[in-house]
Amino acid sequence: MSDQLVKTAVLGAGSWGTALAKHLADRGHPVRLWSRRPEHAQELEQSRENKQYLPGFHFPANLKATSHFAEALEDVDFVLSVVPSQTTRQVWQEAKVHLQAGVPVLCASKGIENDSLDLMVTVLKQVLPGHPVGFIGGPSFAKEVAAHQPTAIVIASDDDQMAHTAQHAISADWMRAYLSHDVVGVEVGGSLKNVIAIACGCADGLGFGANTRAAIITRGLAEITRCAVKLGADPLTLAGLAGVGDLVLTCTGDMSRNRRVGIALGQGRKLDDILKEMGQVAEGVKTTLSAKQLGEKVGVEMPITEEVYRILYENKPAKETVLSLMRRSLKKEAP
């Protein structure tokens, strides 16, 4: 592991962005953490922790918070983009004028842009031509990363130099980073698992057991893989950290925001009330819309995604969607 320090900016001061910023600072790298709200950035600096999104974890001295792009991006060697997927394009259209030519940008936001149906790396390539880009995937709850609990992730990029720089900067005794060239597979796995996690949460909220959860995870993986392969991914990628690894974590872990949304929906609560109470982004809600449209566009059957869409956007009761899935025409098991 290289000991070379990498001056890094992290755009996005939610729980995941904060955890990654703290992780890199704990590795010794100088880090600037950008928050879109000046009052939030000021509070981060004064309290030296993110009391709103990741309480209980003190910032090391080499982590500084700011709400100014110019300050965050000044003379950086590397950038992590961790803003919500639906605002990634807008944020970078504003931020790019402050970024020096050729600085690599690694995205850690898991989602598919509404309307365009673009993956995040595609968005970054469009907005930041000439900058090496990549994507972080894999099973990684923010709180556990911040607590230095052993975690394995995967970094996907078609730029080998950028990928190796990120791998060495991020890897630590508590974080092992693997590399992949399959950017599409890692991105699709990371994005669509949030949709399946909502489905699992619905089943839990309805009081169903382990049989149901296992069925949703397994058949959910099948439709994620179908979609990813149609877009050019290697199916083996979906058997790895960014596929089954992230899917199992998000569908079963109590810290999964998307699963918590599903549980509340299964209990009969309204989506607007659930999201207001959470106060954080659950990427799977908007990704469900993109995923349904993407499946239709490329001609891939995605029955679980379609039923989650009906729950979120057509107010279909969760229990009815279970019956809809169970009453589908009988067939052979196939990926």
C-alpha atoms as a PDB file:
ATOM      1  CA  MET A   1       0.000   0.000   0.000  1.00  0.00           C
ATOM      2  CA  SER A   2       1.378   3.389  -0.979  1.00  0.00           C
ATOM      3  CA  ASP A   3       1.921   6.040   1.700  1.00  0.00           C
ATOM      4  CA  GLN A   4       1.695   8.896  -0.805  1.00  0.00           C
ATOM      5  CA  LEU A   5      -0.759  11.528   0.390  1.00  0.00           C
ATOM      6  CA  VAL A   6      -3.521  12.579  -2.009  1.00  0.00           C
ATOM      7  CA  LYS A   7      -5.177  15.967  -1.518  1.00  0.00           C
ATOM      8  CA  THR A   8      -8.840  15.094  -1.889  1.00  0.00           C
ATOM      9  CA  ALA A   9     -12.149  16.931  -2.153  1.00  0.00           C
ATOM     10  CA  VAL A  10     -15.375  15.173  -1.215  1.00  0.00           C
ATOM     11  CA  LEU A  11     -18.494  16.809  -2.634  1.00  0.00           C
ATOM     12  CA  GLY A  12     -21.533  15.884  -0.570  1.00  0.00           C
ATOM     13  CA  ALA A  13     -21.736  15.961   3.227  1.00  0.00           C
ATOM     14  CA  GLY A  14     -24.421  13.390   3.824  1.00  0.00           C
ATOM     15  CA  SER A  15     -23.681  10.233   5.790  1.00  0.00           C
ATOM     16  CA  TRP A  16     -21.769   8.458   3.004  1.00  0.00           C
ATOM     17  CA  GLY A  17     -19.796  11.501   1.869  1.00  0.00           C
ATOM     18  CA  THR A  18     -18.874  12.276   5.465  1.00  0.00           C
ATOM     19  CA  ALA A  19     -17.819   8.690   6.132  1.00  0.00           C
ATOM     20  CA  LEU A  20     -15.590   8.643   3.054  1.00  0.00           C
ATOM     21  CA  ALA A  21     -14.084  12.026   3.942  1.00  0.00           C
ATOM     22  CA  LYS A  22     -13.331  10.851   7.483  1.00  0.00           C
ATOM     23  CA  HIS A  23     -11.939   7.576   6.156  1.00  0.00           C
ATOM     24  CA  LEU A  24      -9.518   9.349   3.812  1.00  0.00           C
ATOM     25  CA  ALA A  25      -8.520  11.820   6.523  1.00  0.00           C
ATOM     26  CA  ASP A  26      -7.921   8.934   8.922  1.00  0.00           C
ATOM     27  CA  ARG A  27      -5.589   7.531   6.265  1.00  0.00           C
ATOM     28  CA  GLY A  28      -3.644  10.799   6.511  1.00  0.00           C
ATOM     29  CA  HIS A  29      -4.832  12.482   3.317  1.00  0.00           C
ATOM     30  CA  PRO A  30      -5.702  16.196   3.425  1.00  0.00           C
ATOM     31  CA  VAL A  31      -9.474  16.363   2.803  1.00  0.00           C
ATOM     32  CA  ARG A  32     -11.970  19.123   2.020  1.00  0.00           C
ATOM     33  CA  LEU A  33     -15.625  18.170   2.598  1.00  0.00           C
ATOM     34  CA  TRP A  34     -18.139  20.279   0.658  1.00  0.00           C
ATOM     35  CA  SER A  35     -21.705  20.855   1.840  1.00  0.00           C
ATOM     36  CA  ARG A  36     -24.203  22.726  -0.303  1.00  0.00           C
ATOM     37  CA  ARG A  37     -25.570  24.572   2.766  1.00  0.00           C
ATOM     38  CA  PRO A  38     -23.260  27.228   4.284  1.00  0.00           C
ATOM     39  CA  GLU A  39     -24.825  26.812   7.715  1.00  0.00           C
ATOM     40  CA  HIS A  40     -24.200  23.068   7.593  1.00  0.00           C
ATOM     41  CA  ALA A  41     -20.562  23.531   6.574  1.00  0.00           C
ATOM     42  CA  GLN A  42     -20.097  26.018   9.411  1.00  0.00           C
ATOM     43  CA  GLU A  43     -21.654  23.605  11.897  1.00  0.00           C
ATOM     44  CA  LEU A  44     -19.361  20.805  10.678  1.00  0.00           C
ATOM     45  CA  GLU A  45     -16.317  22.985  11.247  1.00  0.00           C
ATOM     46  CA  GLN A  46     -17.407  24.186  14.669  1.00  0.00           C
ATOM     47  CA  SER A  47     -18.573  20.856  16.112  1.00  0.00           C
ATOM     48  CA  ARG A  48     -15.981  18.743  14.228  1.00  0.00           C
ATOM     49  CA  GLU A  49     -18.569  16.085  13.487  1.00  0.00           C
ATOM     50  CA  ASN A  50     -21.645  15.662  11.305  1.00  0.00           C
ATOM     51  CA  LYS A  51     -24.304  15.676  13.998  1.00  0.00           C
ATOM     52  CA  GLN A  52     -27.116  15.592  11.451  1.00  0.00           C
ATOM     53  CA  TYR A  53     -26.063  12.688   9.238  1.00  0.00           C
ATOM     54  CA  LEU A  54     -23.224  10.808  10.970  1.00  0.00           C
ATOM     55  CA  PRO A  55     -23.179  11.688  14.670  1.00  0.00           C
ATOM     56  CA  GLY A  56     -20.561  10.406  17.067  1.00  0.00           C
ATOM     57  CA  PHE A  57     -17.522  10.466  14.765  1.00  0.00           C
ATOM     58  CA  HIS A  58     -14.971  13.210  15.413  1.00  0.00           C
ATOM     59  CA  PHE A  59     -13.221  14.807  12.443  1.00  0.00           C
ATOM     60  CA  PRO A  60      -9.414  14.591  12.373  1.00  0.00           C
ATOM     61  CA  ALA A  61      -7.516  17.877  12.022  1.00  0.00           C
ATOM     62  CA  ASN A  62      -6.773  17.297   8.322  1.00  0.00           C
ATOM     63  CA  LEU A  63     -10.485  17.296   7.400  1.00  0.00           C
ATOM     64  CA  LYS A  64     -11.948  20.721   6.676  1.00  0.00           C
ATOM     65  CA  ALA A  65     -15.533  21.562   5.727  1.00  0.00           C
ATOM     66  CA  THR A  66     -16.629  24.278   3.329  1.00  0.00           C
ATOM     67  CA  SER A  67     -19.614  25.350   1.244  1.00  0.00           C
ATOM     68  CA  HIS A  68     -17.474  26.981  -1.450  1.00  0.00           C
ATOM     69  CA  PHE A  69     -16.497  25.037  -4.575  1.00  0.00           C
ATOM     70  CA  ALA A  70     -13.384  27.167  -5.058  1.00  0.00           C
ATOM     71  CA  GLU A  71     -12.079  26.318  -1.603  1.00  0.00           C
ATOM     72  CA  ALA A  72     -13.025  22.646  -1.798  1.00  0.00           C
ATOM     73  CA  LEU A  73     -11.451  22.042  -5.204  1.00  0.00           C
ATOM     74  CA  GLU A  74      -8.354  24.244  -4.958  1.00  0.00           C
ATOM     75  CA  ASP A  75      -5.224  22.317  -6.046  1.00  0.00           C
ATOM     76  CA  VAL A  76      -6.778  18.905  -5.347  1.00  0.00           C
ATOM     77  CA  ASP A  77      -5.309  15.681  -6.672  1.00  0.00           C
ATOM     78  CA  PHE A  78      -8.551  13.737  -6.540  1.00  0.00           C
ATOM     79  CA  VAL A  79     -12.300  14.244  -6.064  1.00  0.00           C
ATOM     80  CA  LEU A  80     -15.017  12.001  -4.662  1.00  0.00           C
ATOM     81  CA  SER A  81     -18.497  12.918  -5.893  1.00  0.00           C
ATOM     82  CA  VAL A  82     -21.067  11.889  -3.274  1.00  0.00           C
ATOM     83  CA  VAL A  83     -23.988  14.227  -3.972  1.00  0.00           C
ATOM     84  CA  PRO A  84     -27.416  12.633  -4.615  1.00  0.00           C
ATOM     85  CA  SER A  85     -27.610  11.095  -8.065  1.00  0.00           C
ATOM     86  CA  GLN A  86     -30.446  13.353  -9.227  1.00  0.00           C
ATOM     87  CA  THR A  87     -28.402  16.492  -8.478  1.00  0.00           C
ATOM     88  CA  THR A  88     -25.000  15.242  -9.705  1.00  0.00           C
ATOM     89  CA  ARG A  89     -25.257  16.921 -13.111  1.00  0.00           C
ATOM     90  CA  GLN A  90     -26.368  20.265 -11.658  1.00  0.00           C
ATOM     91  CA  VAL A  91     -23.689  20.294  -8.955  1.00  0.00           C
ATOM     92  CA  TRP A  92     -20.894  19.551 -11.394  1.00  0.00           C
ATOM     93  CA  GLN A  93     -22.096  22.109 -13.922  1.00  0.00           C
ATOM     94  CA  GLU A  94     -21.516  24.668 -11.169  1.00  0.00           C
ATOM     95  CA  ALA A  95     -18.366  23.129  -9.723  1.00  0.00           C
ATOM     96  CA  LYS A  96     -16.397  22.301 -12.876  1.00  0.00           C
ATOM     97  CA  VAL A  97     -15.027  25.818 -13.416  1.00  0.00           C
ATOM     98  CA  HIS A  98     -13.098  25.424 -10.150  1.00  0.00           C
ATOM     99  CA  LEU A  99     -11.545  22.056 -11.030  1.00  0.00           C
ATOM    100  CA  GLN A 100      -8.105  21.967 -12.622  1.00  0.00           C
ATOM    101  CA  ALA A 101      -7.726  20.106 -15.904  1.00  0.00           C
ATOM    102  CA  GLY A 102      -7.289  16.347 -15.708  1.00  0.00           C
ATOM    103  CA  VAL A 103      -8.157  15.879 -12.024  1.00  0.00           C
ATOM    104  CA  PRO A 104      -9.806  12.449 -11.581  1.00  0.00           C
ATOM    105  CA  VAL A 105     -13.367  12.226 -10.218  1.00  0.00           C
ATOM    106  CA  LEU A 106     -14.626   9.077  -8.511  1.00  0.00           C
ATOM    107  CA  CYS A 107     -18.394   8.825  -8.031  1.00  0.00           C
ATOM    108  CA  ALA A 108     -19.880   7.165  -4.936  1.00  0.00           C
ATOM    109  CA  SER A 109     -23.533   8.088  -5.604  1.00  0.00           C
ATOM    110  CA  LYS A 110     -25.651   5.073  -6.527  1.00  0.00           C
ATOM    111  CA  GLY A 111     -28.481   5.955  -8.860  1.00  0.00           C
ATOM    112  CA  ILE A 112     -29.725   6.428 -12.410  1.00  0.00           C
ATOM    113  CA  GLU A 113     -30.599   9.936 -13.578  1.00  0.00           C
ATOM    114  CA  ASN A 114     -34.282  10.508 -14.194  1.00  0.00           C
ATOM    115  CA  ASP A 115     -35.356  11.517 -17.722  1.00  0.00           C
ATOM    116  CA  SER A 116     -31.974  10.866 -19.405  1.00  0.00           C
ATOM    117  CA  LEU A 117     -31.648   7.377 -17.802  1.00  0.00           C
ATOM    118  CA  ASP A 118     -27.887   7.991 -17.682  1.00  0.00           C
ATOM    119  CA  LEU A 119     -25.612   6.246 -15.198  1.00  0.00           C
ATOM    120  CA  MET A 120     -23.516   8.521 -13.001  1.00  0.00           C
ATOM    121  CA  VAL A 121     -20.232   7.924 -14.797  1.00  0.00           C
ATOM    122  CA  THR A 122     -21.963   8.840 -18.062  1.00  0.00           C
ATOM    123  CA  VAL A 123     -23.180  12.066 -16.471  1.00  0.00           C
ATOM    124  CA  LEU A 124     -19.673  12.890 -15.261  1.00  0.00           C
ATOM    125  CA  LYS A 125     -18.141  12.165 -18.659  1.00  0.00           C
ATOM    126  CA  GLN A 126     -20.651  14.504 -20.279  1.00  0.00           C
ATOM    127  CA  VAL A 127     -20.122  17.332 -17.801  1.00  0.00           C
ATOM    128  CA  LEU A 128     -16.382  16.827 -17.206  1.00  0.00           C
ATOM    129  CA  PRO A 129     -14.776  15.909 -20.551  1.00  0.00           C
ATOM    130  CA  GLY A 130     -11.065  15.268 -20.203  1.00  0.00           C
ATOM    131  CA  HIS A 131     -11.286  14.141 -16.586  1.00  0.00           C
ATOM    132  CA  PRO A 132     -10.707  10.467 -15.702  1.00  0.00           C
ATOM    133  CA  VAL A 133     -13.821   9.157 -13.954  1.00  0.00           C
ATOM    134  CA  GLY A 134     -14.835   6.033 -12.067  1.00  0.00           C
ATOM    135  CA  PHE A 135     -17.303   4.569  -9.621  1.00  0.00           C
ATOM    136  CA  ILE A 136     -17.237   3.058  -6.119  1.00  0.00           C
ATOM    137  CA  GLY A 137     -19.511   0.075  -5.444  1.00  0.00           C
ATOM    138  CA  GLY A 138     -19.868  -2.684  -2.914  1.00  0.00           C
ATOM    139  CA  PRO A 139     -21.433  -3.327   0.509  1.00  0.00           C
ATOM    140  CA  SER A 140     -20.520  -0.352   2.675  1.00  0.00           C
ATOM    141  CA  PHE A 141     -22.725   1.256   5.305  1.00  0.00           C
ATOM    142  CA  ALA A 142     -21.402   4.700   6.190  1.00  0.00           C
ATOM    143  CA  LYS A 143     -21.455   4.212   9.949  1.00  0.00           C
ATOM    144  CA  GLU A 144     -19.420   1.001   9.768  1.00  0.00           C
ATOM    145  CA  VAL A 145     -16.836   2.586   7.473  1.00  0.00           C
ATOM    146  CA  ALA A 146     -16.510   5.538   9.850  1.00  0.00           C
ATOM    147  CA  ALA A 147     -16.072   3.069  12.735  1.00  0.00           C
ATOM    148  CA  HIS A 148     -13.241   1.273  10.886  1.00  0.00           C
ATOM    149  CA  GLN A 149     -15.129  -2.001  10.657  1.00  0.00           C
ATOM    150  CA  PRO A 150     -13.545  -4.251   7.988  1.00  0.00           C
ATOM    151  CA  THR A 151     -15.142  -3.470   4.625  1.00  0.00           C
ATOM    152  CA  ALA A 152     -14.500  -4.486   1.001  1.00  0.00           C
ATOM    153  CA  ILE A 153     -15.437  -2.289  -1.951  1.00  0.00           C
ATOM    154  CA  VAL A 154     -14.807  -2.247  -5.690  1.00  0.00           C
ATOM    155  CA  ILE A 155     -13.535   0.669  -7.773  1.00  0.00           C
ATOM    156  CA  ALA A 156     -14.546   0.588 -11.442  1.00  0.00           C
ATOM    157  CA  SER A 157     -12.909   2.708 -14.117  1.00  0.00           C
ATOM    158  CA  ASP A 158     -11.638   2.433 -17.672  1.00  0.00           C
ATOM    159  CA  ASP A 159      -8.660   4.597 -16.639  1.00  0.00           C
ATOM    160  CA  ASP A 160      -6.084   2.325 -14.997  1.00  0.00           C
ATOM    161  CA  GLN A 161      -3.943   5.098 -13.527  1.00  0.00           C
ATOM    162  CA  MET A 162      -6.942   6.723 -11.883  1.00  0.00           C
ATOM    163  CA  ALA A 163      -8.201   3.385 -10.554  1.00  0.00           C
ATOM    164  CA  HIS A 164      -4.837   2.464  -9.028  1.00  0.00           C
ATOM    165  CA  THR A 165      -4.476   5.907  -7.437  1.00  0.00           C
ATOM    166  CA  ALA A 166      -7.920   5.546  -5.870  1.00  0.00           C
ATOM    167  CA  GLN A 167      -7.235   1.975  -4.766  1.00  0.00           C
ATOM    168  CA  HIS A 168      -4.060   2.928  -2.887  1.00  0.00           C
ATOM    169  CA  ALA A 169      -5.529   6.132  -1.450  1.00  0.00           C
ATOM    170  CA  ILE A 170      -8.615   4.358  -0.085  1.00  0.00           C
ATOM    171  CA  SER A 171      -7.240   0.987   1.013  1.00  0.00           C
ATOM    172  CA  ALA A 172      -6.435   0.626   4.708  1.00  0.00           C
ATOM    173  CA  ASP A 173      -6.306  -2.032   7.408  1.00  0.00           C
ATOM    174  CA  TRP A 174     -10.096  -1.667   7.670  1.00  0.00           C
ATOM    175  CA  MET A 175     -10.870  -1.075   3.963  1.00  0.00           C
ATOM    176  CA  ARG A 176      -9.918  -3.336   1.059  1.00  0.00           C
ATOM    177  CA  ALA A 177     -10.511  -1.929  -2.420  1.00  0.00           C
ATOM    178  CA  TYR A 178     -10.671  -4.185  -5.476  1.00  0.00           C
ATOM    179  CA  LEU A 179     -10.491  -2.973  -9.091  1.00  0.00           C
ATOM    180  CA  SER A 180     -12.768  -3.604 -12.054  1.00  0.00           C
ATOM    181  CA  HIS A 181     -13.010  -2.421 -15.643  1.00  0.00           C
ATOM    182  CA  ASP A 182     -16.736  -3.202 -15.697  1.00  0.00           C
ATOM    183  CA  VAL A 183     -18.049   0.263 -14.903  1.00  0.00           C
ATOM    184  CA  VAL A 184     -21.547  -0.531 -16.173  1.00  0.00           C
ATOM    185  CA  GLY A 185     -21.869  -3.704 -14.097  1.00  0.00           C
ATOM    186  CA  VAL A 186     -20.678  -2.031 -10.907  1.00  0.00           C
ATOM    187  CA  GLU A 187     -22.951   0.978 -11.450  1.00  0.00           C
ATOM    188  CA  VAL A 188     -26.079  -0.990 -12.338  1.00  0.00           C
ATOM    189  CA  GLY A 189     -25.559  -3.329  -9.388  1.00  0.00           C
ATOM    190  CA  GLY A 190     -25.129  -0.417  -7.007  1.00  0.00           C
ATOM    191  CA  SER A 191     -28.144   1.446  -8.332  1.00  0.00           C
ATOM    192  CA  LEU A 192     -30.765  -1.248  -8.798  1.00  0.00           C
ATOM    193  CA  LYS A 193     -30.092  -2.970  -5.468  1.00  0.00           C
ATOM    194  CA  ASN A 194     -31.812  -0.003  -3.825  1.00  0.00           C
ATOM    195  CA  VAL A 195     -35.025  -0.813  -5.689  1.00  0.00           C
ATOM    196  CA  ILE A 196     -34.917  -4.434  -4.572  1.00  0.00           C
ATOM    197  CA  ALA A 197     -34.201  -3.289  -1.009  1.00  0.00           C
ATOM    198  CA  ILE A 198     -37.472  -1.349  -1.016  1.00  0.00           C
ATOM    199  CA  ALA A 199     -39.231  -4.555  -2.107  1.00  0.00           C
ATOM    200  CA  CYS A 200     -37.574  -6.516   0.706  1.00  0.00           C
ATOM    201  CA  GLY A 201     -38.552  -3.841   3.179  1.00  0.00           C
ATOM    202  CA  CYS A 202     -42.162  -4.018   2.009  1.00  0.00           C
ATOM    203  CA  ALA A 203     -42.167  -7.760   2.627  1.00  0.00           C
ATOM    204  CA  ASP A 204     -40.712  -7.248   6.106  1.00  0.00           C
ATOM    205  CA  GLY A 205     -43.263  -4.546   6.839  1.00  0.00           C
ATOM    206  CA  LEU A 206     -46.045  -6.919   5.823  1.00  0.00           C
ATOM    207  CA  GLY A 207     -44.745  -9.447   8.329  1.00  0.00           C
ATOM    208  CA  PHE A 208     -43.393 -11.982   5.859  1.00  0.00           C
ATOM    209  CA  GLY A 209     -40.370 -14.075   6.789  1.00  0.00           C
ATOM    210  CA  ALA A 210     -37.005 -15.298   5.608  1.00  0.00           C
ATOM    211  CA  ASN A 211     -38.417 -17.348   2.707  1.00  0.00           C
ATOM    212  CA  THR A 212     -39.923 -14.237   1.151  1.00  0.00           C
ATOM    213  CA  ARG A 213     -36.803 -12.140   1.689  1.00  0.00           C
ATOM    214  CA  ALA A 214     -34.555 -14.778   0.118  1.00  0.00           C
ATOM    215  CA  ALA A 215     -36.857 -15.080  -2.888  1.00  0.00           C
ATOM    216  CA  ILE A 216     -36.891 -11.315  -3.474  1.00  0.00           C
ATOM    217  CA  ILE A 217     -33.104 -11.050  -3.162  1.00  0.00           C
ATOM    218  CA  THR A 218     -32.491 -13.946  -5.541  1.00  0.00           C
ATOM    219  CA  ARG A 219     -35.034 -12.970  -8.170  1.00  0.00           C
ATOM    220  CA  GLY A 220     -34.032  -9.339  -7.726  1.00  0.00           C
ATOM    221  CA  LEU A 221     -30.459 -10.269  -8.546  1.00  0.00           C
ATOM    222  CA  ALA A 222     -31.734 -12.030 -11.653  1.00  0.00           C
ATOM    223  CA  GLU A 223     -33.425  -8.919 -13.013  1.00  0.00           C
ATOM    224  CA  ILE A 224     -30.506  -6.669 -12.051  1.00  0.00           C
ATOM    225  CA  THR A 225     -28.196  -9.015 -13.951  1.00  0.00           C
ATOM    226  CA  ARG A 226     -30.482  -9.118 -16.996  1.00  0.00           C
ATOM    227  CA  CYS A 227     -30.529  -5.338 -17.165  1.00  0.00           C
ATOM    228  CA  ALA A 228     -26.786  -4.944 -16.594  1.00  0.00           C
ATOM    229  CA  VAL A 229     -25.863  -7.536 -19.231  1.00  0.00           C
ATOM    230  CA  LYS A 230     -28.196  -5.882 -21.735  1.00  0.00           C
ATOM    231  CA  LEU A 231     -26.262  -2.660 -21.159  1.00  0.00           C
ATOM    232  CA  GLY A 232     -22.946  -4.426 -21.762  1.00  0.00           C
ATOM    233  CA  ALA A 233     -21.896  -5.618 -18.305  1.00  0.00           C
ATOM    234  CA  ASP A 234     -20.115  -8.872 -17.449  1.00  0.00           C
ATOM    235  CA  PRO A 235     -22.600 -11.093 -15.556  1.00  0.00           C
ATOM    236  CA  LEU A 236     -19.817 -12.204 -13.204  1.00  0.00           C
ATOM    237  CA  THR A 237     -19.598  -8.646 -11.881  1.00  0.00           C
ATOM    238  CA  LEU A 238     -23.091  -9.070 -10.434  1.00  0.00           C
ATOM    239  CA  ALA A 239     -21.898 -12.135  -8.507  1.00  0.00           C
ATOM    240  CA  GLY A 240     -19.332  -9.956  -6.752  1.00  0.00           C
ATOM    241  CA  LEU A 241     -19.192  -7.107  -4.252  1.00  0.00           C
ATOM    242  CA  ALA A 242     -21.129  -4.607  -6.375  1.00  0.00           C
ATOM    243  CA  GLY A 243     -23.862  -7.130  -7.141  1.00  0.00           C
ATOM    244  CA  VAL A 244     -24.806  -9.790  -4.642  1.00  0.00           C
ATOM    245  CA  GLY A 245     -22.630  -8.244  -1.916  1.00  0.00           C
ATOM    246  CA  ASP A 246     -24.279  -4.825  -1.956  1.00  0.00           C
ATOM    247  CA  LEU A 247     -27.699  -6.352  -2.616  1.00  0.00           C
ATOM    248  CA  VAL A 248     -27.628  -8.630   0.435  1.00  0.00           C
ATOM    249  CA  LEU A 249     -26.385  -5.831   2.693  1.00  0.00           C
ATOM    250  CA  THR A 250     -29.008  -3.329   1.556  1.00  0.00           C
ATOM    251  CA  CYS A 251     -31.871  -5.826   1.633  1.00  0.00           C
ATOM    252  CA  THR A 252     -31.115  -7.142   5.121  1.00  0.00           C
ATOM    253  CA  GLY A 253     -29.273  -4.431   7.064  1.00  0.00           C
ATOM    254  CA  ASP A 254     -31.129  -2.264   9.553  1.00  0.00           C
ATOM    255  CA  MET A 255     -29.119   0.803   8.487  1.00  0.00           C
ATOM    256  CA  SER A 256     -30.428   0.584   4.906  1.00  0.00           C
ATOM    257  CA  ARG A 257     -32.552   3.667   4.215  1.00  0.00           C
ATOM    258  CA  ASN A 258     -34.199   2.026   1.217  1.00  0.00           C
ATOM    259  CA  ARG A 259     -35.178  -1.019   3.249  1.00  0.00           C
ATOM    260  CA  ARG A 260     -36.597   1.267   5.944  1.00  0.00           C
ATOM    261  CA  VAL A 261     -38.712   3.039   3.325  1.00  0.00           C
ATOM    262  CA  GLY A 262     -40.042  -0.344   2.214  1.00  0.00           C
ATOM    263  CA  ILE A 263     -40.833  -1.452   5.774  1.00  0.00           C
ATOM    264  CA  ALA A 264     -42.887   1.686   6.366  1.00  0.00           C
ATOM    265  CA  LEU A 265     -44.714   1.248   3.052  1.00  0.00           C
ATOM    266  CA  GLY A 266     -45.478  -2.360   3.953  1.00  0.00           C
ATOM    267  CA  GLN A 267     -46.952  -1.100   7.215  1.00  0.00           C
ATOM    268  CA  GLY A 268     -49.310   1.124   5.249  1.00  0.00           C
ATOM    269  CA  ARG A 269     -47.625   4.506   5.698  1.00  0.00           C
ATOM    270  CA  LYS A 270     -47.565   7.193   2.998  1.00  0.00           C
ATOM    271  CA  LEU A 271     -44.365   7.770   1.028  1.00  0.00           C
ATOM    272  CA  ASP A 272     -44.273  11.553   1.567  1.00  0.00           C
ATOM    273  CA  ASP A 273     -44.545  11.107   5.322  1.00  0.00           C
ATOM    274  CA  ILE A 274     -41.820   8.448   5.340  1.00  0.00           C
ATOM    275  CA  LEU A 275     -39.320  10.572   3.405  1.00  0.00           C
ATOM    276  CA  LYS A 276     -40.074  13.687   5.455  1.00  0.00           C
ATOM    277  CA  GLU A 277     -39.457  11.808   8.682  1.00  0.00           C
ATOM    278  CA  MET A 278     -36.183  10.286   7.413  1.00  0.00           C
ATOM    279  CA  GLY A 279     -34.695  13.628   6.428  1.00  0.00           C
ATOM    280  CA  GLN A 280     -32.203  11.873   4.132  1.00  0.00           C
ATOM    281  CA  VAL A 281     -32.148  10.734   0.520  1.00  0.00           C
ATOM    282  CA  ALA A 282     -33.282   7.179  -0.204  1.00  0.00           C
ATOM    283  CA  GLU A 283     -31.842   6.800  -3.718  1.00  0.00           C
ATOM    284  CA  GLY A 284     -34.070   3.835  -4.548  1.00  0.00           C
ATOM    285  CA  VAL A 285     -37.236   5.948  -4.664  1.00  0.00           C
ATOM    286  CA  LYS A 286     -36.223   7.987  -7.703  1.00  0.00           C
ATOM    287  CA  THR A 287     -34.083   5.202  -9.136  1.00  0.00           C
ATOM    288  CA  THR A 288     -37.213   3.026  -9.308  1.00  0.00           C
ATOM    289  CA  LEU A 289     -38.686   5.411 -11.863  1.00  0.00           C
ATOM    290  CA  SER A 290     -35.499   5.376 -13.951  1.00  0.00           C
ATOM    291  CA  ALA A 291     -35.106   1.605 -13.601  1.00  0.00           C
ATOM    292  CA  LYS A 292     -38.623   0.884 -14.833  1.00  0.00           C
ATOM    293  CA  GLN A 293     -38.150   3.164 -17.833  1.00  0.00           C
ATOM    294  CA  LEU A 294     -34.696   1.725 -18.545  1.00  0.00           C
ATOM    295  CA  GLY A 295     -36.033  -1.839 -18.478  1.00  0.00           C
ATOM    296  CA  GLU A 296     -38.746  -0.888 -20.956  1.00  0.00           C
ATOM    297  CA  LYS A 297     -36.239   0.942 -23.167  1.00  0.00           C
ATOM    298  CA  VAL A 298     -33.827  -1.982 -23.485  1.00  0.00           C
ATOM    299  CA  GLY A 299     -36.517  -4.693 -23.483  1.00  0.00           C
ATOM    300  CA  VAL A 300     -35.674  -6.390 -20.168  1.00  0.00           C
ATOM    301  CA  GLU A 301     -38.283  -8.017 -17.948  1.00  0.00           C
ATOM    302  CA  MET A 302     -38.076  -6.538 -14.431  1.00  0.00           C
ATOM    303  CA  PRO A 303     -41.190  -7.627 -12.524  1.00  0.00           C
ATOM    304  CA  ILE A 304     -40.036  -6.711  -9.003  1.00  0.00           C
ATOM    305  CA  THR A 305     -38.958  -3.256 -10.151  1.00  0.00           C
ATOM    306  CA  GLU A 306     -42.306  -2.764 -11.884  1.00  0.00           C
ATOM    307  CA  GLU A 307     -44.216  -3.675  -8.719  1.00  0.00           C
ATOM    308  CA  VAL A 308     -42.092  -1.343  -6.587  1.00  0.00           C
ATOM    309  CA  TYR A 309     -42.886   1.377  -9.123  1.00  0.00           C
ATOM    310  CA  ARG A 310     -46.599   0.724  -8.685  1.00  0.00           C
ATOM    311  CA  ILE A 311     -46.272   0.992  -4.909  1.00  0.00           C
ATOM    312  CA  LEU A 312     -44.305   4.254  -5.068  1.00  0.00           C
ATOM    313  CA  TYR A 313     -45.949   6.009  -7.993  1.00  0.00           C
ATOM    314  CA  GLU A 314     -49.412   4.467  -8.356  1.00  0.00           C
ATOM    315  CA  ASN A 315     -50.233   3.928  -4.657  1.00  0.00           C
ATOM    316  CA  LYS A 316     -50.753   0.204  -5.120  1.00  0.00           C
ATOM    317  CA  PRO A 317     -50.992  -1.543  -1.731  1.00  0.00           C
ATOM    318  CA  ALA A 318     -47.856  -3.562  -0.996  1.00  0.00           C
ATOM    319  CA  LYS A 319     -49.819  -6.730  -0.256  1.00  0.00           C
ATOM    320  CA  GLU A 320     -51.417  -6.635  -3.700  1.00  0.00           C
ATOM    321  CA  THR A 321     -48.009  -6.477  -5.378  1.00  0.00           C
ATOM    322  CA  VAL A 322     -46.997  -9.693  -3.626  1.00  0.00           C
ATOM    323  CA  LEU A 323     -50.022 -11.454  -5.093  1.00  0.00           C
ATOM    324  CA  SER A 324     -49.241  -9.995  -8.516  1.00  0.00           C
ATOM    325  CA  LEU A 325     -45.741 -11.453  -8.394  1.00  0.00           C
ATOM    326  CA  MET A 326     -46.853 -14.844  -7.080  1.00  0.00           C
ATOM    327  CA  ARG A 327     -49.566 -15.162  -9.756  1.00  0.00           C
ATOM    328  CA  ARG A 328     -47.258 -14.508 -12.715  1.00  0.00           C
ATOM    329  CA  SER A 329     -47.214 -17.222 -15.354  1.00  0.00           C
ATOM    330  CA  LEU A 330     -45.198 -20.275 -14.330  1.00  0.00           C
ATOM    331  CA  LYS A 331     -41.846 -20.827 -16.037  1.00  0.00           C
ATOM    332  CA  LYS A 332     -38.338 -22.251 -15.695  1.00  0.00           C
ATOM    333  CA  GLU A 333     -35.911 -20.498 -13.415  1.00  0.00           C
ATOM    334  CA  ALA A 334     -33.645 -18.372 -15.545  1.00  0.00           C
ATOM    335  CA  PRO A 335     -31.271 -15.467 -14.820  1.00  0.00           C
END
